[in-house]
Amino acid sequence: MYWVLTLMPIGLLALGFPVFVILILTSAVVLTFFVPIPIEALHQRLFSGIDKYALLAVPFFIFAGELMSSSSTSRRIVDWVMSLTGGTRGNLAFTTIGTCVVFGAISGSSQATVSAIGRILYGPLRKQGYSAEFSNGLLASTGAIAVVIPPSISMILYGVASNTSVTKLFIAGILPGFVMATCFVGYVLLSRGIPQQSSQKSDLRTIGKKTWRGLGAIGAPVIILGGIYGGIFSPTEAAGVACIYVMLLAGLLYRDVGWRQIWGVAVRAMYLTAQVFLIVAAASAFSWVLTVVNVPQDIVRLIDDMKLSNWQLLLAINIVLLIVGCFIDTPSAILVMTPLLAPVALAAGIDLIHLGIIVTVNLAIGFFTPPFGINLFVVQALFKDPVSVIYRGVAPFIVVNLFSLALITYIPPLSLWLVD
């Protein structure tokens, strides 16, 4: 039976089948031929996989991110961050990093962040003297910060799969997100070929003007995260608040998005939500099948027989997740791998919140890791540079993020201190 669970998904993936089809077909074959459970149970698991209150946050955050990309909200965030970094060496690179942190704290979506920020900053980066490799690599990789900085769609999915608190995961993601951003900043400071200084210097008057102009956009993360951590509303309710806030911001205050455009954004968000939920349902059913045939228990016994120390176990988990992230989309990877890794982590005394951050950071790196990192396709579609240029550009940023991952993995207080 294990050969079916292993070889069938690999074979179907090689043939180009969609991931959700692979998971459903494999589950159906196992239930039909190897497990004495009626096939009707598969239908029930497909439905119950998406019948989770926490998942209601996903379409709301997707909609908020898409609406920000379609309005001047992202431009105002960029202008504000740029006013803070003006006149410094590598200011546009710092602006990209800082904007991704702020934008990610509203949308929780890496693709939306890369798309919105890339459209605004790629041209200025090239004009100021940044190479095509560096510009593509910077935009593709810094978008991954949005996956770790709360609110994060990946953390919501992990919380559902592991039965852990989404609020605690959001709190745990704050410091790791800033660790990633800090490592990016350090790499930019040490990089050769970065323009010596900005073409535009800022003073207090400029900073004040840009802050006032972008006050509504800047205040969004404060309202969303402050409401969650202050106990005013749950993460799911915060997602609804984010939608309403961004709609009012773009439609009434800035008046750069009409109701017809909002409807178009809602349709796009609906399609993206349907894609995510289809994967969630299929992965939930597949994970249930793995549990029924005792795969997690067998893995725990195997790890126990190997007598791995905690640091070796964490290293093995990171290697597996990095490989998985190269080939499988993030929702599928989280929902399939979490039920397998959680029992192993618990048996080794690893906190599930810490594991959640490790899983999130690993799969965030997968967003810009060849060959199938989704951010690579986004920047290629936006800027039309050759794939070889993009791959060369992201290579050093992968190394930077591996360093961040090592810090987050082996210094648990980075994830758990704020939670505690």
Protein backbone atom coordinates (compact mmCIF):
# COMPACT_ATOMS: atom_id res chain seq x y z
CA MET A 1 0.00 0.00 0.00
CA TYR A 2 2.84 2.41 0.78
CA TRP A 3 4.08 2.13 -2.77
CA VAL A 4 0.71 3.44 -3.96
CA LEU A 5 0.90 6.39 -1.57
CA THR A 6 4.41 7.18 -2.79
CA LEU A 7 4.68 6.26 -6.46
CA MET A 8 1.18 7.16 -7.61
CA PRO A 9 1.38 10.86 -6.62
CA ILE A 10 4.91 11.15 -8.08
CA GLY A 11 3.83 9.51 -11.33
CA LEU A 12 0.72 11.64 -11.71
CA LEU A 13 2.71 14.80 -10.88
CA ALA A 14 5.25 13.90 -13.58
CA LEU A 15 2.39 13.47 -16.06
CA GLY A 16 1.20 16.99 -15.30
CA PHE A 17 -1.97 16.30 -13.34
CA PRO A 18 -3.18 19.11 -11.04
CA VAL A 19 -2.25 18.57 -7.41
CA PHE A 20 -5.85 18.37 -6.18
CA VAL A 21 -6.63 15.64 -8.74
CA ILE A 22 -3.55 13.69 -7.64
CA LEU A 23 -4.58 13.81 -3.99
CA ILE A 24 -8.20 12.80 -4.65
CA LEU A 25 -7.28 9.96 -7.03
CA THR A 26 -4.68 8.54 -4.66
CA SER A 27 -7.11 8.71 -1.75
CA ALA A 28 -9.81 6.99 -3.80
CA VAL A 29 -7.47 4.15 -4.88
CA VAL A 30 -6.32 3.50 -1.30
CA LEU A 31 -9.87 3.50 0.06
CA THR A 32 -11.11 1.24 -2.75
CA PHE A 33 -8.40 -1.43 -2.71
CA PHE A 34 -6.59 -1.31 0.63
CA VAL A 35 -8.86 0.02 3.40
CA PRO A 36 -12.25 -1.45 4.45
CA ILE A 37 -13.93 1.97 4.54
CA PRO A 38 -16.80 2.92 2.18
CA ILE A 39 -15.74 5.26 -0.62
CA GLU A 40 -18.55 7.62 0.48
CA ALA A 41 -16.29 8.64 3.37
CA LEU A 42 -14.09 10.43 0.85
CA HIS A 43 -16.94 12.80 -0.05
CA GLN A 44 -17.52 13.55 3.60
CA ARG A 45 -13.85 14.32 4.20
CA LEU A 46 -13.70 16.60 1.16
CA PHE A 47 -16.52 18.66 2.60
CA SER A 48 -15.38 18.60 6.22
CA GLY A 49 -11.91 19.74 5.11
CA ILE A 50 -13.26 23.17 4.20
CA ASP A 51 -15.98 23.30 6.86
CA LYS A 52 -13.70 25.26 9.21
CA TYR A 53 -14.48 28.69 10.65
CA ALA A 54 -10.84 29.84 10.42
CA LEU A 55 -10.84 29.29 6.64
CA LEU A 56 -13.38 32.09 6.22
CA ALA A 57 -10.46 34.49 6.64
CA VAL A 58 -8.79 33.29 3.44
CA PRO A 59 -11.17 34.84 0.83
CA PHE A 60 -11.30 38.09 2.78
CA PHE A 61 -7.51 38.51 2.88
CA ILE A 62 -7.25 37.52 -0.80
CA PHE A 63 -9.85 40.15 -1.69
CA ALA A 64 -8.10 42.82 0.40
CA GLY A 65 -4.76 42.07 -1.26
CA GLU A 66 -6.25 42.15 -4.78
CA LEU A 67 -8.04 45.44 -4.06
CA MET A 68 -4.86 47.03 -2.72
CA SER A 69 -3.07 45.98 -5.91
CA SER A 70 -5.77 47.64 -8.02
CA SER A 71 -5.84 50.94 -6.13
CA SER A 72 -3.36 53.62 -5.12
CA THR A 73 -3.02 52.07 -1.66
CA SER A 74 0.17 50.23 -2.58
CA ARG A 75 1.62 53.37 -4.24
CA ARG A 76 1.02 55.41 -1.08
CA ILE A 77 2.76 52.76 1.05
CA VAL A 78 5.72 52.77 -1.35
CA ASP A 79 5.96 56.58 -1.27
CA TRP A 80 5.87 56.63 2.53
CA VAL A 81 8.60 53.99 2.93
CA MET A 82 10.69 55.69 0.23
CA SER A 83 10.50 59.00 2.11
CA LEU A 84 12.02 57.25 5.14
CA THR A 85 14.91 55.76 3.14
CA GLY A 86 15.61 58.64 0.73
CA GLY A 87 19.25 59.65 0.34
CA THR A 88 20.68 56.38 1.64
CA ARG A 89 22.74 53.88 -0.31
CA GLY A 90 20.42 51.28 -1.75
CA ASN A 91 17.31 53.22 -0.77
CA LEU A 92 15.10 51.61 -3.42
CA ALA A 93 16.08 48.14 -2.24
CA PHE A 94 15.26 49.15 1.34
CA THR A 95 11.97 50.63 0.10
CA THR A 96 11.10 47.30 -1.54
CA ILE A 97 11.79 45.37 1.66
CA GLY A 98 9.91 47.80 3.92
CA THR A 99 6.93 48.02 1.58
CA CYS A 100 6.63 44.24 1.45
CA VAL A 101 6.51 44.16 5.26
CA VAL A 102 3.71 46.76 5.41
CA PHE A 103 1.80 45.35 2.44
CA GLY A 104 2.09 41.81 3.79
CA ALA A 105 0.70 42.96 7.13
CA ILE A 106 -2.54 43.75 5.32
CA SER A 107 -2.94 41.11 2.61
CA GLY A 108 -1.02 38.01 3.80
CA SER A 109 -0.49 37.05 0.14
CA SER A 110 2.94 36.74 -1.47
CA GLN A 111 1.71 36.87 -5.07
CA ALA A 112 -0.39 39.99 -4.43
CA THR A 113 2.60 41.65 -2.76
CA VAL A 114 5.00 40.89 -5.63
CA SER A 115 2.45 41.97 -8.22
CA ALA A 116 1.55 45.25 -6.52
CA ILE A 117 5.04 46.30 -5.43
CA GLY A 118 6.74 45.02 -8.59
CA ARG A 119 4.61 47.13 -10.90
CA ILE A 120 5.63 50.24 -8.98
CA LEU A 121 9.30 49.63 -8.18
CA TYR A 122 10.80 47.53 -10.99
CA GLY A 123 11.11 50.49 -13.37
CA PRO A 124 12.73 52.82 -10.79
CA LEU A 125 15.10 50.04 -9.69
CA ARG A 126 16.35 49.57 -13.24
CA LYS A 127 16.61 53.33 -13.89
CA GLN A 128 18.64 53.86 -10.73
CA GLY A 129 21.22 51.31 -11.86
CA TYR A 130 20.16 48.03 -10.27
CA SER A 131 20.79 45.02 -12.52
CA ALA A 132 17.94 42.99 -13.96
CA GLU A 133 19.13 39.98 -11.94
CA PHE A 134 19.13 41.90 -8.66
CA SER A 135 15.78 43.60 -9.34
CA ASN A 136 14.01 40.36 -10.21
CA GLY A 137 15.61 38.48 -7.32
CA LEU A 138 14.78 41.21 -4.82
CA LEU A 139 11.12 41.51 -5.82
CA ALA A 140 10.51 37.75 -6.08
CA SER A 141 12.13 36.98 -2.73
CA THR A 142 10.98 39.89 -0.56
CA GLY A 143 7.39 39.06 -1.47
CA ALA A 144 7.87 35.95 0.66
CA ILE A 145 7.98 38.18 3.76
CA ALA A 146 4.22 38.60 3.33
CA VAL A 147 3.80 34.87 3.99
CA VAL A 148 5.49 35.15 7.41
CA ILE A 149 4.42 38.61 8.59
CA PRO A 150 0.93 38.27 10.09
CA PRO A 151 -1.80 38.05 8.99
CA SER A 152 -0.69 35.07 6.92
CA ILE A 153 -2.86 32.77 4.82
CA SER A 154 -0.26 30.01 5.24
CA MET A 155 -0.52 30.28 9.03
CA ILE A 156 -4.30 30.03 8.84
CA LEU A 157 -3.98 26.80 6.84
CA TYR A 158 -1.40 25.41 9.26
CA GLY A 159 -3.60 26.30 12.23
CA VAL A 160 -6.51 24.42 10.65
CA ALA A 161 -4.35 21.39 9.82
CA SER A 162 -2.68 21.18 13.25
CA ASN A 163 -5.55 22.41 15.48
CA THR A 164 -3.39 25.20 16.87
CA SER A 165 -4.40 28.79 17.62
CA VAL A 166 -4.22 31.05 14.57
CA THR A 167 -3.90 34.09 16.85
CA LYS A 168 -0.84 32.57 18.56
CA LEU A 169 0.65 31.74 15.15
CA PHE A 170 0.16 35.36 14.08
CA ILE A 171 1.89 36.58 17.23
CA ALA A 172 4.72 34.07 16.73
CA GLY A 173 5.27 35.26 13.15
CA ILE A 174 6.11 38.88 14.05
CA LEU A 175 9.76 38.46 15.07
CA PRO A 176 10.61 35.86 12.37
CA GLY A 177 9.17 38.20 9.76
CA PHE A 178 11.42 41.01 10.94
CA VAL A 179 14.38 38.60 11.10
CA MET A 180 13.85 37.85 7.40
CA ALA A 181 13.57 41.56 6.58
CA THR A 182 16.71 42.35 8.60
CA CYS A 183 18.69 39.68 6.76
CA PHE A 184 17.55 41.18 3.45
CA VAL A 185 18.70 44.61 4.61
CA GLY A 186 22.07 43.17 5.68
CA TYR A 187 22.56 41.54 2.29
CA VAL A 188 21.76 44.81 0.48
CA LEU A 189 24.26 46.70 2.65
CA LEU A 190 26.98 44.16 1.85
CA SER A 191 26.17 43.82 -1.85
CA ARG A 192 28.46 45.22 -4.51
CA GLY A 193 27.03 47.10 -7.45
CA ILE A 194 24.32 48.81 -5.41
CA PRO A 195 23.90 52.48 -6.40
CA GLN A 196 25.74 54.64 -3.92
CA GLN A 197 22.81 56.80 -2.98
CA SER A 198 19.30 57.76 -3.87
CA SER A 199 18.52 60.27 -6.58
CA GLN A 200 15.97 61.79 -4.22
CA LYS A 201 16.74 62.88 -0.67
CA SER A 202 14.08 63.31 1.98
CA ASP A 203 13.64 65.82 4.77
CA LEU A 204 11.20 66.01 7.64
CA ARG A 205 8.74 68.01 5.56
CA THR A 206 8.71 65.36 2.83
CA ILE A 207 8.35 62.56 5.36
CA GLY A 208 5.45 64.38 7.03
CA LYS A 209 3.73 64.98 3.69
CA LYS A 210 4.06 61.35 2.56
CA THR A 211 2.97 60.11 5.99
CA TRP A 212 -0.17 62.22 5.87
CA ARG A 213 -0.91 61.17 2.27
CA GLY A 214 -0.53 57.50 3.13
CA LEU A 215 -1.93 57.60 6.66
CA GLY A 216 -4.97 55.51 5.79
CA ALA A 217 -2.91 52.78 4.12
CA ILE A 218 -0.28 52.80 6.87
CA GLY A 219 -2.98 52.53 9.53
CA ALA A 220 -4.44 49.34 8.07
CA PRO A 221 -1.92 46.96 9.71
CA VAL A 222 -2.34 48.79 13.02
CA ILE A 223 -6.12 48.33 12.94
CA ILE A 224 -6.01 44.70 11.75
CA LEU A 225 -3.23 43.41 14.00
CA GLY A 226 -4.10 45.68 16.92
CA GLY A 227 -7.66 44.37 16.85
CA ILE A 228 -6.49 40.75 16.85
CA TYR A 229 -3.89 41.11 19.58
CA GLY A 230 -6.11 43.40 21.62
CA GLY A 231 -8.86 40.78 21.69
CA ILE A 232 -11.33 43.02 19.85
CA PHE A 233 -11.91 40.51 17.06
CA SER A 234 -10.70 37.10 15.91
CA PRO A 235 -8.38 36.59 12.91
CA THR A 236 -11.42 35.64 10.80
CA GLU A 237 -13.28 38.77 11.84
CA ALA A 238 -10.11 40.79 11.25
CA ALA A 239 -10.09 39.58 7.64
CA GLY A 240 -13.61 40.96 7.20
CA VAL A 241 -12.55 44.24 8.80
CA ALA A 242 -9.58 44.40 6.39
CA CYS A 243 -11.93 44.01 3.40
CA ILE A 244 -14.29 46.74 4.53
CA TYR A 245 -11.42 49.05 5.50
CA VAL A 246 -9.61 48.70 2.15
CA MET A 247 -12.89 49.12 0.24
CA LEU A 248 -13.66 52.36 2.09
CA LEU A 249 -10.08 53.50 1.66
CA ALA A 250 -9.91 52.86 -2.09
CA GLY A 251 -13.53 53.60 -3.00
CA LEU A 252 -14.45 56.57 -0.81
CA LEU A 253 -11.30 58.20 0.58
CA TYR A 254 -8.88 57.84 -2.35
CA ARG A 255 -11.64 57.49 -4.97
CA ASP A 256 -9.42 55.66 -7.44
CA VAL A 257 -11.51 52.47 -7.64
CA GLY A 258 -15.14 52.46 -8.79
CA TRP A 259 -17.78 49.94 -7.80
CA ARG A 260 -17.45 48.21 -11.19
CA GLN A 261 -13.72 47.71 -10.55
CA ILE A 262 -14.45 46.45 -7.03
CA TRP A 263 -16.79 43.89 -8.57
CA GLY A 264 -14.01 42.79 -10.95
CA VAL A 265 -11.61 42.45 -8.01
CA ALA A 266 -14.20 40.39 -6.15
CA VAL A 267 -14.53 38.04 -9.12
CA ARG A 268 -10.75 37.55 -9.29
CA ALA A 269 -10.64 36.92 -5.55
CA MET A 270 -13.47 34.40 -5.94
CA TYR A 271 -11.50 32.40 -8.52
CA LEU A 272 -8.36 32.43 -6.37
CA THR A 273 -10.38 31.38 -3.32
CA ALA A 274 -11.97 28.51 -5.25
CA GLN A 275 -8.52 27.29 -6.29
CA VAL A 276 -7.23 27.40 -2.70
CA PHE A 277 -10.30 25.71 -1.23
CA LEU A 278 -10.25 22.96 -3.84
CA ILE A 279 -6.70 22.16 -2.78
CA VAL A 280 -7.65 22.42 0.90
CA ALA A 281 -10.49 19.90 0.45
CA ALA A 282 -8.33 17.43 -1.50
CA ALA A 283 -5.37 17.72 0.87
CA SER A 284 -7.61 17.28 3.89
CA ALA A 285 -9.01 14.04 2.47
CA PHE A 286 -5.52 12.78 1.60
CA SER A 287 -4.21 13.62 5.07
CA TRP A 288 -7.13 11.72 6.61
CA VAL A 289 -6.29 8.67 4.47
CA LEU A 290 -2.66 8.84 5.63
CA THR A 291 -3.87 8.90 9.23
CA VAL A 292 -6.24 5.96 8.66
CA VAL A 293 -3.40 3.79 7.34
CA ASN A 294 -1.13 4.84 10.24
CA VAL A 295 1.50 6.68 8.19
CA PRO A 296 2.13 9.37 10.88
CA GLN A 297 2.55 6.70 13.57
CA ASP A 298 4.95 4.73 11.38
CA ILE A 299 7.02 7.87 10.73
CA VAL A 300 7.19 8.59 14.48
CA ARG A 301 8.44 5.03 15.11
CA LEU A 302 10.98 5.33 12.29
CA ILE A 303 12.33 8.62 13.67
CA ASP A 304 12.43 7.15 17.16
CA ASP A 305 14.43 4.13 15.92
CA MET A 306 16.93 6.47 14.23
CA LYS A 307 17.65 8.17 17.59
CA LEU A 308 17.96 11.64 16.05
CA SER A 309 18.70 14.55 18.32
CA ASN A 310 16.41 17.57 18.12
CA TRP A 311 18.77 19.62 15.98
CA GLN A 312 19.16 16.73 13.54
CA LEU A 313 15.40 16.24 13.42
CA LEU A 314 14.83 19.94 12.73
CA LEU A 315 17.47 19.83 10.00
CA ALA A 316 15.74 16.84 8.41
CA ILE A 317 12.36 18.61 8.58
CA ASN A 318 13.83 21.70 6.92
CA ILE A 319 15.42 19.68 4.11
CA VAL A 320 12.18 17.82 3.41
CA LEU A 321 10.10 21.01 3.42
CA LEU A 322 12.54 22.87 1.18
CA ILE A 323 12.39 20.06 -1.37
CA VAL A 324 8.61 19.85 -1.16
CA GLY A 325 8.33 23.62 -1.56
CA CYS A 326 10.25 23.47 -4.84
CA PHE A 327 7.61 21.31 -6.51
CA ILE A 328 4.27 21.60 -4.68
CA ASP A 329 2.13 24.67 -4.06
CA THR A 330 2.08 26.00 -0.51
CA PRO A 331 -1.53 25.15 0.51
CA SER A 332 -1.08 21.52 -0.60
CA ALA A 333 2.31 21.24 1.08
CA ILE A 334 1.02 22.62 4.39
CA LEU A 335 -2.09 20.49 4.50
CA VAL A 336 -0.33 17.26 3.50
CA MET A 337 2.89 17.66 5.49
CA THR A 338 1.48 19.08 8.74
CA PRO A 339 -0.37 15.89 9.83
CA LEU A 340 2.86 13.97 9.18
CA LEU A 341 5.23 16.37 10.92
CA ALA A 342 3.10 17.35 13.93
CA PRO A 343 3.22 13.91 15.66
CA VAL A 344 6.98 13.74 15.05
CA ALA A 345 7.47 17.20 16.55
CA LEU A 346 5.30 16.45 19.57
CA ALA A 347 7.17 13.21 20.21
CA ALA A 348 10.45 15.17 20.18
CA GLY A 349 9.10 17.91 22.45
CA ILE A 350 9.00 20.58 19.74
CA ASP A 351 6.29 23.19 20.24
CA LEU A 352 3.66 23.09 17.47
CA ILE A 353 3.65 26.90 17.27
CA HIS A 354 7.40 26.84 16.63
CA LEU A 355 6.89 24.07 14.08
CA GLY A 356 4.24 26.22 12.38
CA ILE A 357 6.69 29.07 11.93
CA ILE A 358 9.35 26.67 10.60
CA VAL A 359 6.86 25.23 8.11
CA THR A 360 5.71 28.71 7.06
CA VAL A 361 9.25 30.05 6.52
CA ASN A 362 10.33 26.95 4.59
CA LEU A 363 7.39 27.15 2.23
CA ALA A 364 7.79 30.94 1.95
CA ILE A 365 11.23 30.21 0.48
CA GLY A 366 9.47 27.82 -1.89
CA PHE A 367 7.60 30.79 -3.37
CA PHE A 368 10.79 31.90 -5.16
CA THR A 369 12.75 28.65 -5.44
CA PRO A 370 13.15 27.14 -8.93
CA PRO A 371 11.66 25.42 -10.79
CA PHE A 372 8.04 26.06 -9.74
CA GLY A 373 8.17 29.00 -7.31
CA ILE A 374 5.01 31.00 -8.03
CA ASN A 375 6.76 34.35 -7.52
CA LEU A 376 9.18 33.46 -10.33
CA PHE A 377 6.25 33.17 -12.72
CA VAL A 378 4.78 36.42 -11.44
CA VAL A 379 7.93 38.48 -12.04
CA GLN A 380 8.50 36.82 -15.42
CA ALA A 381 4.97 37.72 -16.51
CA LEU A 382 5.33 41.29 -15.24
CA PHE A 383 8.82 42.20 -16.44
CA LYS A 384 9.40 39.79 -19.37
CA ASP A 385 13.01 39.05 -18.42
CA PRO A 386 14.47 35.64 -19.41
CA VAL A 387 14.07 32.82 -16.91
CA SER A 388 17.87 32.49 -16.71
CA VAL A 389 18.12 36.10 -15.50
CA ILE A 390 15.45 35.50 -12.86
CA TYR A 391 17.09 32.29 -11.63
CA ARG A 392 20.48 33.99 -11.29
CA GLY A 393 18.81 36.86 -9.46
CA VAL A 394 17.09 34.76 -6.80
CA ALA A 395 20.11 32.53 -6.08
CA PRO A 396 21.79 34.83 -3.50
CA PHE A 397 18.44 35.62 -1.88
CA ILE A 398 17.81 31.91 -1.38
CA VAL A 399 21.09 31.74 0.55
CA VAL A 400 20.06 34.77 2.64
CA ASN A 401 16.74 33.15 3.47
CA LEU A 402 18.38 29.86 4.39
CA PHE A 403 20.41 31.83 6.94
CA SER A 404 17.17 33.37 8.27
CA LEU A 405 15.61 29.91 8.41
CA ALA A 406 18.54 28.57 10.45
CA LEU A 407 18.15 31.39 12.99
CA ILE A 408 14.39 30.87 13.27
CA THR A 409 14.75 27.08 13.53
CA TYR A 410 17.47 26.90 16.16
CA ILE A 411 16.50 29.94 18.26
CA PRO A 412 12.95 29.02 19.38
CA PRO A 413 12.44 32.24 21.42
CA LEU A 414 12.29 34.15 18.12
CA SER A 415 8.97 32.39 17.56
CA LEU A 416 7.79 31.75 21.10
CA TRP A 417 8.89 34.74 23.20
CA LEU A 418 6.00 37.02 22.24
CA VAL A 419 3.55 34.13 22.55
CA ASP A 420 4.78 33.33 26.05
